[in-house]
């Protein structure tokens, strides 16, 4: 075995990041993947309308809205996965 220099005893310094508030982080993430907040808003809107229809006794409309909610959640999940793939591809380059 070839003997090389021993590894350094002191750990390398960690990078220092600037403090990022909630609003700044939210805006940055929204710019990176704008479809996720849009999907979340659609999901909440459809859910709210479905609950209002249920309260009013319009069962058919309520069921339709609950099915639409599932589609909106699927869209949000697909947008989230798509954003993760795009981010991973960017970091490889």
PDB file of N, CA and C in Angstrom:
ATOM      1  N   UNK A   1       0.838  -1.182   0.000  1.00  0.00           N
ATOM      2  CA  UNK A   1       0.000   0.000   0.000  1.00  0.00           C
ATOM      3  C   UNK A   1       0.877   1.238   0.000  1.00  0.00           C
ATOM      4  N   UNK A   2       0.466   2.178  -0.772  1.00  0.00           N
ATOM      5  CA  UNK A   2       1.210   3.431  -0.841  1.00  0.00           C
ATOM      6  C   UNK A   2       0.744   4.341   0.274  1.00  0.00           C
ATOM      7  N   UNK A   3       1.710   4.855   0.988  1.00  0.00           N
ATOM      8  CA  UNK A   3       1.379   5.756   2.099  1.00  0.00           C
ATOM      9  C   UNK A   3       1.339   7.184   1.571  1.00  0.00           C
ATOM     10  N   UNK A   4       0.211   7.826   1.794  1.00  0.00           N
ATOM     11  CA  UNK A   4       0.064   9.219   1.391  1.00  0.00           C
ATOM     12  C   UNK A   4       0.040  10.101   2.619  1.00  0.00           C
ATOM     13  N   UNK A   5      -0.152  11.367   2.421  1.00  0.00           N
ATOM     14  CA  UNK A   5      -0.231  12.263   3.581  1.00  0.00           C
ATOM     15  C   UNK A   5      -1.486  11.944   4.398  1.00  0.00           C
ATOM     16  N   UNK A   6      -1.398  12.110   5.689  1.00  0.00           N
ATOM     17  CA  UNK A   6      -2.570  11.823   6.525  1.00  0.00           C
ATOM     18  C   UNK A   6      -3.681  12.840   6.259  1.00  0.00           C
ATOM     19  N   UNK A   7      -4.918  12.450   6.505  1.00  0.00           N
ATOM     20  CA  UNK A   7      -6.019  13.399   6.290  1.00  0.00           C
ATOM     21  C   UNK A   7      -5.939  14.537   7.300  1.00  0.00           C
ATOM     22  N   UNK A   8      -6.448  15.681   6.935  1.00  0.00           N
ATOM     23  CA  UNK A   8      -6.388  16.816   7.871  1.00  0.00           C
ATOM     24  C   UNK A   8      -7.229  16.528   9.119  1.00  0.00           C
ATOM     25  N   UNK A   9      -6.731  16.982  10.249  1.00  0.00           N
ATOM     26  CA  UNK A   9      -7.434  16.771  11.504  1.00  0.00           C
ATOM     27  C   UNK A   9      -8.562  17.766  11.713  1.00  0.00           C
ATOM     28  N   UNK A  10      -8.440  18.928  11.121  1.00  0.00           N
ATOM     29  CA  UNK A  10      -9.467  19.954  11.270  1.00  0.00           C
ATOM     30  C   UNK A  10     -10.478  19.832  10.131  1.00  0.00           C
ATOM     31  N   UNK A  11     -11.757  19.865  10.446  1.00  0.00           N
ATOM     32  CA  UNK A  11     -12.752  19.774   9.370  1.00  0.00           C
ATOM     33  C   UNK A  11     -12.740  21.042   8.523  1.00  0.00           C
ATOM     34  N   UNK A  12     -13.139  20.876   7.268  1.00  0.00           N
ATOM     35  CA  UNK A  12     -13.200  22.043   6.396  1.00  0.00           C
ATOM     36  C   UNK A  12     -14.354  22.935   6.855  1.00  0.00           C
ATOM     37  N   UNK A  13     -14.211  24.242   6.717  1.00  0.00           N
ATOM     38  CA  UNK A  13     -15.264  25.150   7.194  1.00  0.00           C
ATOM     39  C   UNK A  13     -16.538  24.971   6.366  1.00  0.00           C
ATOM     40  N   UNK A  14     -17.669  25.102   7.031  1.00  0.00           N
ATOM     41  CA  UNK A  14     -18.960  25.005   6.367  1.00  0.00           C
ATOM     42  C   UNK A  14     -19.272  26.316   5.658  1.00  0.00           C
ATOM     43  N   UNK A  15     -19.972  26.241   4.523  1.00  0.00           N
ATOM     44  CA  UNK A  15     -20.341  27.489   3.840  1.00  0.00           C
ATOM     45  C   UNK A  15     -21.326  28.293   4.677  1.00  0.00           C
ATOM     46  N   UNK A  16     -21.243  29.593   4.551  1.00  0.00           N
ATOM     47  CA  UNK A  16     -22.120  30.487   5.300  1.00  0.00           C
ATOM     48  C   UNK A  16     -23.208  30.991   4.352  1.00  0.00           C
ATOM     49  N   UNK A  17     -24.473  30.796   4.735  1.00  0.00           N
ATOM     50  CA  UNK A  17     -25.599  31.254   3.937  1.00  0.00           C
ATOM     51  C   UNK A  17     -26.232  32.458   4.614  1.00  0.00           C
ATOM     52  N   UNK A  18     -26.767  33.342   3.794  1.00  0.00           N
ATOM     53  CA  UNK A  18     -27.446  34.505   4.363  1.00  0.00           C
ATOM     54  C   UNK A  18     -28.794  34.064   4.915  1.00  0.00           C
ATOM     55  N   UNK A  19     -29.275  34.764   5.922  1.00  0.00           N
ATOM     56  CA  UNK A  19     -30.573  34.464   6.510  1.00  0.00           C
ATOM     57  C   UNK A  19     -31.662  34.798   5.491  1.00  0.00           C
ATOM     58  N   UNK A  20     -32.560  33.861   5.301  1.00  0.00           N
ATOM     59  CA  UNK A  20     -33.646  34.051   4.351  1.00  0.00           C
ATOM     60  C   UNK A  20     -34.953  33.912   5.120  1.00  0.00           C
ATOM     61  N   UNK A  21     -35.745  34.937   5.098  1.00  0.00           N
ATOM     62  CA  UNK A  21     -37.021  34.910   5.806  1.00  0.00           C
ATOM     63  C   UNK A  21     -38.047  34.065   5.080  1.00  0.00           C
ATOM     64  N   UNK A  22     -39.198  33.867   5.722  1.00  0.00           N
ATOM     65  CA  UNK A  22     -40.255  33.050   5.138  1.00  0.00           C
ATOM     66  C   UNK A  22     -40.741  33.639   3.821  1.00  0.00           C
ATOM     67  N   UNK A  23     -40.970  34.949   3.797  1.00  0.00           N
ATOM     68  CA  UNK A  23     -41.467  35.596   2.587  1.00  0.00           C
ATOM     69  C   UNK A  23     -40.496  35.493   1.434  1.00  0.00           C
ATOM     70  N   UNK A  24     -39.206  35.715   1.724  1.00  0.00           N
ATOM     71  CA  UNK A  24     -38.184  35.617   0.678  1.00  0.00           C
ATOM     72  C   UNK A  24     -38.092  34.196   0.126  1.00  0.00           C
ATOM     73  N   UNK A  25     -38.128  33.223   1.024  1.00  0.00           N
ATOM     74  CA  UNK A  25     -38.047  31.826   0.594  1.00  0.00           C
ATOM     75  C   UNK A  25     -39.278  31.440  -0.219  1.00  0.00           C
ATOM     76  N   UNK A  26     -40.465  31.889   0.215  1.00  0.00           N
ATOM     77  CA  UNK A  26     -41.690  31.590  -0.505  1.00  0.00           C
ATOM     78  C   UNK A  26     -41.646  32.171  -1.915  1.00  0.00           C
ATOM     79  N   UNK A  27     -41.206  33.411  -2.038  1.00  0.00           N
ATOM     80  CA  UNK A  27     -41.114  34.034  -3.361  1.00  0.00           C
ATOM     81  C   UNK A  27     -40.094  33.325  -4.250  1.00  0.00           C
ATOM     82  N   UNK A  28     -38.968  32.936  -3.676  1.00  0.00           N
ATOM     83  CA  UNK A  28     -37.941  32.236  -4.453  1.00  0.00           C
ATOM     84  C   UNK A  28     -38.465  30.891  -4.949  1.00  0.00           C
ATOM     85  N   UNK A  29     -39.106  30.142  -4.062  1.00  0.00           N
ATOM     86  CA  UNK A  29     -39.640  28.832  -4.441  1.00  0.00           C
ATOM     87  C   UNK A  29     -40.774  28.976  -5.461  1.00  0.00           C
ATOM     88  N   UNK A  30     -41.589  30.031  -5.330  1.00  0.00           N
ATOM     89  CA  UNK A  30     -42.670  30.259  -6.278  1.00  0.00           C
ATOM     90  C   UNK A  30     -42.116  30.607  -7.654  1.00  0.00           C
ATOM     91  N   UNK A  31     -41.043  31.369  -7.697  1.00  0.00           N
ATOM     92  CA  UNK A  31     -40.418  31.684  -8.987  1.00  0.00           C
ATOM     93  C   UNK A  31     -39.802  30.443  -9.612  1.00  0.00           C
ATOM     94  N   UNK A  32     -39.235  29.550  -8.789  1.00  0.00           N
ATOM     95  CA  UNK A  32     -38.620  28.330  -9.307  1.00  0.00           C
ATOM     96  C   UNK A  32     -39.668  27.386  -9.886  1.00  0.00           C
ATOM     97  N   UNK A  33     -40.808  27.257  -9.230  1.00  0.00           N
ATOM     98  CA  UNK A  33     -41.848  26.336  -9.676  1.00  0.00           C
ATOM     99  C   UNK A  33     -43.223  26.961  -9.426  1.00  0.00           C
ATOM    100  N   UNK A  34     -43.705  27.789 -10.359  1.00  0.00           N
ATOM    101  CA  UNK A  34     -44.959  28.514 -10.117  1.00  0.00           C
ATOM    102  C   UNK A  34     -46.210  27.641 -10.175  1.00  0.00           C
ATOM    103  N   UNK A  35     -46.121  26.426 -10.676  1.00  0.00           N
ATOM    104  CA  UNK A  35     -47.314  25.593 -10.804  1.00  0.00           C
ATOM    105  C   UNK A  35     -47.766  24.998  -9.475  1.00  0.00           C
ATOM    106  N   UNK A  36     -46.858  24.830  -8.525  1.00  0.00           N
ATOM    107  CA  UNK A  36     -47.238  24.237  -7.239  1.00  0.00           C
ATOM    108  C   UNK A  36     -48.190  25.157  -6.459  1.00  0.00           C
ATOM    109  N   UNK A  37     -47.877  26.428  -6.258  1.00  0.00           N
ATOM    110  CA  UNK A  37     -48.848  27.290  -5.562  1.00  0.00           C
ATOM    111  C   UNK A  37     -50.169  27.419  -6.327  1.00  0.00           C
ATOM    112  N   UNK A  38     -50.097  27.420  -7.653  1.00  0.00           N
ATOM    113  CA  UNK A  38     -51.315  27.478  -8.457  1.00  0.00           C
ATOM    114  C   UNK A  38     -52.165  26.230  -8.217  1.00  0.00           C
ATOM    115  N   UNK A  39     -51.542  25.068  -8.190  1.00  0.00           N
ATOM    116  CA  UNK A  39     -52.271  23.832  -7.916  1.00  0.00           C
ATOM    117  C   UNK A  39     -52.867  23.816  -6.516  1.00  0.00           C
ATOM    118  N   UNK A  40     -52.117  24.340  -5.549  1.00  0.00           N
ATOM    119  CA  UNK A  40     -52.638  24.409  -4.176  1.00  0.00           C
ATOM    120  C   UNK A  40     -53.863  25.314  -4.100  1.00  0.00           C
ATOM    121  N   UNK A  41     -53.802  26.452  -4.769  1.00  0.00           N
ATOM    122  CA  UNK A  41     -54.956  27.368  -4.770  1.00  0.00           C
ATOM    123  C   UNK A  41     -56.162  26.734  -5.454  1.00  0.00           C
ATOM    124  N   UNK A  42     -55.928  26.020  -6.546  1.00  0.00           N
ATOM    125  CA  UNK A  42     -57.037  25.336  -7.230  1.00  0.00           C
ATOM    126  C   UNK A  42     -57.647  24.273  -6.324  1.00  0.00           C
ATOM    127  N   UNK A  43     -56.803  23.521  -5.632  1.00  0.00           N
ATOM    128  CA  UNK A  43     -57.290  22.473  -4.734  1.00  0.00           C
ATOM    129  C   UNK A  43     -58.148  23.079  -3.629  1.00  0.00           C
ATOM    130  N   UNK A  44     -57.675  24.139  -3.019  1.00  0.00           N
ATOM    131  CA  UNK A  44     -58.426  24.785  -1.938  1.00  0.00           C
ATOM    132  C   UNK A  44     -59.734  25.373  -2.467  1.00  0.00           C
ATOM    133  N   UNK A  45     -59.703  25.978  -3.647  1.00  0.00           N
ATOM    134  CA  UNK A  45     -60.918  26.552  -4.225  1.00  0.00           C
ATOM    135  C   UNK A  45     -61.972  25.499  -4.523  1.00  0.00           C
ATOM    136  N   UNK A  46     -61.539  24.395  -5.131  1.00  0.00           N
ATOM    137  CA  UNK A  46     -62.485  23.323  -5.459  1.00  0.00           C
ATOM    138  C   UNK A  46     -63.022  22.684  -4.183  1.00  0.00           C
ATOM    139  N   UNK A  47     -62.149  22.481  -3.201  1.00  0.00           N
ATOM    140  CA  UNK A  47     -62.588  21.904  -1.928  1.00  0.00           C
ATOM    141  C   UNK A  47     -63.620  22.806  -1.247  1.00  0.00           C
ATOM    142  N   UNK A  48     -63.352  24.092  -1.225  1.00  0.00           N
ATOM    143  CA  UNK A  48     -64.274  25.034  -0.598  1.00  0.00           C
ATOM    144  C   UNK A  48     -65.630  25.032  -1.303  1.00  0.00           C
ATOM    145  N   UNK A  49     -65.595  25.065  -2.619  1.00  0.00           N
ATOM    146  CA  UNK A  49     -66.855  25.055  -3.378  1.00  0.00           C
ATOM    147  C   UNK A  49     -67.608  23.749  -3.154  1.00  0.00           C
ATOM    148  N   UNK A  50     -66.884  22.634  -3.074  1.00  0.00           N
ATOM    149  CA  UNK A  50     -67.519  21.344  -2.807  1.00  0.00           C
ATOM    150  C   UNK A  50     -68.169  21.295  -1.438  1.00  0.00           C
ATOM    151  N   UNK A  51     -67.492  21.849  -0.431  1.00  0.00           N
ATOM    152  CA  UNK A  51     -68.069  21.872   0.914  1.00  0.00           C
ATOM    153  C   UNK A  51     -69.297  22.774   0.989  1.00  0.00           C
ATOM    154  N   UNK A  52     -69.241  23.895   0.290  1.00  0.00           N
ATOM    155  CA  UNK A  52     -70.404  24.789   0.249  1.00  0.00           C
ATOM    156  C   UNK A  52     -71.571  24.084  -0.430  1.00  0.00           C
ATOM    157  N   UNK A  53     -71.312  23.369  -1.528  1.00  0.00           N
ATOM    158  CA  UNK A  53     -72.375  22.622  -2.212  1.00  0.00           C
ATOM    159  C   UNK A  53     -72.947  21.546  -1.309  1.00  0.00           C
ATOM    160  N   UNK A  54     -72.090  20.894  -0.545  1.00  0.00           N
ATOM    161  CA  UNK A  54     -72.558  19.856   0.374  1.00  0.00           C
ATOM    162  C   UNK A  54     -73.454  20.455   1.453  1.00  0.00           C
ATOM    163  N   UNK A  55     -73.063  21.604   1.968  1.00  0.00           N
ATOM    164  CA  UNK A  55     -73.851  22.259   3.018  1.00  0.00           C
ATOM    165  C   UNK A  55     -75.216  22.700   2.497  1.00  0.00           C
ATOM    166  N   UNK A  56     -75.258  23.121   1.254  1.00  0.00           N
ATOM    167  CA  UNK A  56     -76.521  23.566   0.657  1.00  0.00           C
ATOM    168  C   UNK A  56     -77.419  22.389   0.250  1.00  0.00           C
ATOM    169  N   UNK A  57     -76.869  21.178   0.295  1.00  0.00           N
ATOM    170  CA  UNK A  57     -77.667  20.008  -0.045  1.00  0.00           C
ATOM    171  C   UNK A  57     -77.576  19.576  -1.494  1.00  0.00           C
ATOM    172  N   UNK A  58     -76.699  20.196  -2.257  1.00  0.00           N
ATOM    173  CA  UNK A  58     -76.513  19.832  -3.663  1.00  0.00           C
ATOM    174  C   UNK A  58     -75.485  18.693  -3.725  1.00  0.00           C
ATOM    175  N   UNK A  59     -75.953  17.470  -3.520  1.00  0.00           N
ATOM    176  CA  UNK A  59     -75.061  16.317  -3.392  1.00  0.00           C
ATOM    177  C   UNK A  59     -74.326  16.036  -4.699  1.00  0.00           C
ATOM    178  N   UNK A  60     -75.019  16.124  -5.819  1.00  0.00           N
ATOM    179  CA  UNK A  60     -74.377  15.840  -7.111  1.00  0.00           C
ATOM    180  C   UNK A  60     -73.213  16.805  -7.369  1.00  0.00           C
ATOM    181  N   UNK A  61     -73.453  18.088  -7.159  1.00  0.00           N
ATOM    182  CA  UNK A  61     -72.391  19.079  -7.360  1.00  0.00           C
ATOM    183  C   UNK A  61     -71.248  18.854  -6.366  1.00  0.00           C
ATOM    184  N   UNK A  62     -71.574  18.498  -5.133  1.00  0.00           N
ATOM    185  CA  UNK A  62     -70.566  18.245  -4.119  1.00  0.00           C
ATOM    186  C   UNK A  62     -69.670  17.071  -4.527  1.00  0.00           C
ATOM    187  N   UNK A  63     -70.279  15.980  -5.021  1.00  0.00           N
ATOM    188  CA  UNK A  63     -69.496  14.819  -5.464  1.00  0.00           C
ATOM    189  C   UNK A  63     -68.602  15.175  -6.648  1.00  0.00           C
ATOM    190  N   UNK A  64     -69.136  15.971  -7.551  1.00  0.00           N
ATOM    191  CA  UNK A  64     -68.348  16.407  -8.708  1.00  0.00           C
ATOM    192  C   UNK A  64     -67.140  17.233  -8.261  1.00  0.00           C
ATOM    193  N   UNK A  65     -67.340  18.109  -7.292  1.00  0.00           N
ATOM    194  CA  UNK A  65     -66.246  18.939  -6.794  1.00  0.00           C
ATOM    195  C   UNK A  65     -65.193  18.109  -6.042  1.00  0.00           C
ATOM    196  N   UNK A  66     -65.637  17.068  -5.335  1.00  0.00           N
ATOM    197  CA  UNK A  66     -64.673  16.221  -4.632  1.00  0.00           C
ATOM    198  C   UNK A  66     -63.820  15.439  -5.634  1.00  0.00           C
ATOM    199  N   UNK A  67     -64.417  15.049  -6.747  1.00  0.00           N
ATOM    200  CA  UNK A  67     -63.637  14.397  -7.805  1.00  0.00           C
ATOM    201  C   UNK A  67     -62.681  15.391  -8.462  1.00  0.00           C
ATOM    202  N   UNK A  68     -63.148  16.609  -8.648  1.00  0.00           N
ATOM    203  CA  UNK A  68     -62.278  17.651  -9.211  1.00  0.00           C
ATOM    204  C   UNK A  68     -61.134  17.970  -8.249  1.00  0.00           C
ATOM    205  N   UNK A  69     -61.404  17.872  -6.956  1.00  0.00           N
ATOM    206  CA  UNK A  69     -60.345  18.106  -5.960  1.00  0.00           C
ATOM    207  C   UNK A  69     -59.235  17.082  -6.107  1.00  0.00           C
ATOM    208  N   UNK A  70     -59.620  15.824  -6.355  1.00  0.00           N
ATOM    209  CA  UNK A  70     -58.617  14.778  -6.550  1.00  0.00           C
ATOM    210  C   UNK A  70     -57.765  15.085  -7.778  1.00  0.00           C
ATOM    211  N   UNK A  71     -58.398  15.546  -8.841  1.00  0.00           N
ATOM    212  CA  UNK A  71     -57.637  15.930 -10.037  1.00  0.00           C
ATOM    213  C   UNK A  71     -56.694  17.101  -9.744  1.00  0.00           C
ATOM    214  N   UNK A  72     -57.176  18.072  -8.992  1.00  0.00           N
ATOM    215  CA  UNK A  72     -56.330  19.228  -8.657  1.00  0.00           C
ATOM    216  C   UNK A  72     -55.152  18.802  -7.785  1.00  0.00           C
ATOM    217  N   UNK A  73     -55.393  17.870  -6.856  1.00  0.00           N
ATOM    218  CA  UNK A  73     -54.297  17.368  -6.030  1.00  0.00           C
ATOM    219  C   UNK A  73     -53.292  16.612  -6.882  1.00  0.00           C
ATOM    220  N   UNK A  74     -53.779  15.842  -7.850  1.00  0.00           N
ATOM    221  CA  UNK A  74     -52.879  15.127  -8.761  1.00  0.00           C
ATOM    222  C   UNK A  74     -52.044  16.087  -9.578  1.00  0.00           C
ATOM    223  N   UNK A  75     -52.661  17.174 -10.044  1.00  0.00           N
ATOM    224  CA  UNK A  75     -51.919  18.193 -10.784  1.00  0.00           C
ATOM    225  C   UNK A  75     -50.834  18.818  -9.912  1.00  0.00           C
ATOM    226  N   UNK A  76     -51.184  19.114  -8.669  1.00  0.00           N
ATOM    227  CA  UNK A  76     -50.212  19.712  -7.748  1.00  0.00           C
ATOM    228  C   UNK A  76     -49.049  18.763  -7.503  1.00  0.00           C
ATOM    229  N   UNK A  77     -49.349  17.495  -7.296  1.00  0.00           N
ATOM    230  CA  UNK A  77     -48.300  16.507  -7.055  1.00  0.00           C
ATOM    231  C   UNK A  77     -47.411  16.352  -8.282  1.00  0.00           C
ATOM    232  N   UNK A  78     -48.010  16.313  -9.478  1.00  0.00           N
ATOM    233  CA  UNK A  78     -47.223  16.209 -10.712  1.00  0.00           C
ATOM    234  C   UNK A  78     -46.344  17.448 -10.899  1.00  0.00           C
ATOM    235  N   UNK A  79     -46.869  18.620 -10.565  1.00  0.00           N
ATOM    236  CA  UNK A  79     -46.071  19.847 -10.673  1.00  0.00           C
ATOM    237  C   UNK A  79     -44.909  19.825  -9.691  1.00  0.00           C
ATOM    238  N   UNK A  80     -45.157  19.300  -8.505  1.00  0.00           N
ATOM    239  CA  UNK A  80     -44.095  19.190  -7.504  1.00  0.00           C
ATOM    240  C   UNK A  80     -42.999  18.246  -7.988  1.00  0.00           C
ATOM    241  N   UNK A  81     -43.387  17.085  -8.502  1.00  0.00           N
ATOM    242  CA  UNK A  81     -42.396  16.139  -9.012  1.00  0.00           C
ATOM    243  C   UNK A  81     -41.658  16.708 -10.217  1.00  0.00           C
ATOM    244  N   UNK A  82     -42.390  17.356 -11.106  1.00  0.00           N
ATOM    245  CA  UNK A  82     -41.745  17.969 -12.265  1.00  0.00           C
ATOM    246  C   UNK A  82     -40.740  19.030 -11.868  1.00  0.00           C
ATOM    247  N   UNK A  83     -41.086  19.839 -10.883  1.00  0.00           N
ATOM    248  CA  UNK A  83     -40.152  20.855 -10.394  1.00  0.00           C
ATOM    249  C   UNK A  83     -38.913  20.245  -9.771  1.00  0.00           C
ATOM    250  N   UNK A  84     -39.092  19.120  -9.066  1.00  0.00           N
ATOM    251  CA  UNK A  84     -37.941  18.445  -8.472  1.00  0.00           C
ATOM    252  C   UNK A  84     -37.026  17.885  -9.555  1.00  0.00           C
ATOM    253  N   UNK A  85     -37.598  17.334 -10.611  1.00  0.00           N
ATOM    254  CA  UNK A  85     -36.795  16.792 -11.706  1.00  0.00           C
ATOM    255  C   UNK A  85     -36.025  17.904 -12.400  1.00  0.00           C
ATOM    256  N   UNK A  86     -36.691  19.012 -12.664  1.00  0.00           N
ATOM    257  CA  UNK A  86     -36.020  20.140 -13.331  1.00  0.00           C
ATOM    258  C   UNK A  86     -34.896  20.681 -12.459  1.00  0.00           C
ATOM    259  N   UNK A  87     -35.126  20.802 -11.164  1.00  0.00           N
ATOM    260  CA  UNK A  87     -34.090  21.277 -10.247  1.00  0.00           C
ATOM    261  C   UNK A  87     -32.910  20.319 -10.202  1.00  0.00           C
ATOM    262  N   UNK A  88     -33.186  19.016 -10.199  1.00  0.00           N
ATOM    263  CA  UNK A  88     -32.111  18.020 -10.173  1.00  0.00           C
ATOM    264  C   UNK A  88     -31.304  18.087 -11.477  1.00  0.00           C
ATOM    265  N   UNK A  89     -31.979  18.295 -12.609  1.00  0.00           N
ATOM    266  CA  UNK A  89     -31.271  18.396 -13.890  1.00  0.00           C
ATOM    267  C   UNK A  89     -30.389  19.648 -13.935  1.00  0.00           C
ATOM    268  N   UNK A  90     -30.898  20.743 -13.371  1.00  0.00           N
ATOM    269  CA  UNK A  90     -30.110  21.982 -13.350  1.00  0.00           C
ATOM    270  C   UNK A  90     -28.869  21.825 -12.481  1.00  0.00           C
ATOM    271  N   UNK A  91     -28.999  21.108 -11.363  1.00  0.00           N
ATOM    272  CA  UNK A  91     -27.856  20.972 -10.464  1.00  0.00           C
ATOM    273  C   UNK A  91     -26.785  20.051 -11.039  1.00  0.00           C
ATOM    274  N   UNK A  92     -27.146  19.161 -11.945  1.00  0.00           N
ATOM    275  CA  UNK A  92     -26.157  18.289 -12.584  1.00  0.00           C
ATOM    276  C   UNK A  92     -25.292  19.031 -13.574  1.00  0.00           C
ATOM    277  N   UNK A  93     -25.844  20.072 -14.168  1.00  0.00           N
ATOM    278  CA  UNK A  93     -25.102  20.794 -15.209  1.00  0.00           C
ATOM    279  C   UNK A  93     -24.140  21.764 -14.650  1.00  0.00           C
TER     280      UNK A  93
END
